[in-house]
């Protein structure tokens, strides 16, 4: 099963839930759990689980390299580029690799074959293992190179390591833009982490809508329960037919543990069984698709 952990806004405790869920499942299902950090712009799951990284892979996309001697400056490449990554001005061709998505349309439409696609590194994927709370899990982390504009290539490179025979927990980027959508694409279920605040409710509703448009069933984790009024979120979930599968209280010891780079289970091991029950509930929700 593939479970994506996402959040409509940052700071709700998404990575805390993702890492804690992966550890709880690894204890219940030894040797069968992977955690993949798909928040490639600012990955931080490694801070909480402290993995030993064993391998690094480069992530490349193919960008245009124009042969000026063959180019007839017809402008077909620029006209068909959706990202303005190539421009033709009089008898000169300018390329902007940082904007390129690597789709290859420029080379495809060039009538004289003047464009060659060459690899350009945009990020890395680190692979290793973490031993946490007496259990071991496989860890994969994508990280974009500094200055890069597009996260999907690095996210997809990290997700390429998904093993269908194992349980995979994906830690998504916050929000509902391309990074989140690229992460939850193909997941069996999405666990949305929110907080009982007006911003938490507003952004969670956007995330729910995104999941539904993509056909990914969702459930809710209410973090920092007690810090505000949870009734609006409860009413919303009831109206929308969403299960609140876990409540994590607003507890100083949890906040202090997180600030030290520790997971929920390090200070509240009783949540281990609850997180396994969350997994079982997600399986039931996914089976109704």
Foldseek 3Di string as FASTA:
>chain_A
DEEEEEALDPDLCRLLLLLLLQVLVCVVVPPFEEEEELQQADGDNCLAQVWDWDDKDWFKAWDKDFQLVQAPLPFPLCVPDPQNQWGGDPSDIDGNVLRDPNPCVSCVPRPRNRIDIDIDTFWMKTWGWGQDPNGIHIYIYIYTDPPHDDRLRRSVVRVVPDDPRGYYYYYFHYRLDDRRLSRCQPGLAYEYRFEQDPVRQVSVVVVCVSCVVRVHHYAYEYEQPPPHDNVVVVVVCVVVVHHHQYYHHNDVVQVVCVVSSHHPCVVPVVCSVSSVVVVVVSVVRSVVD
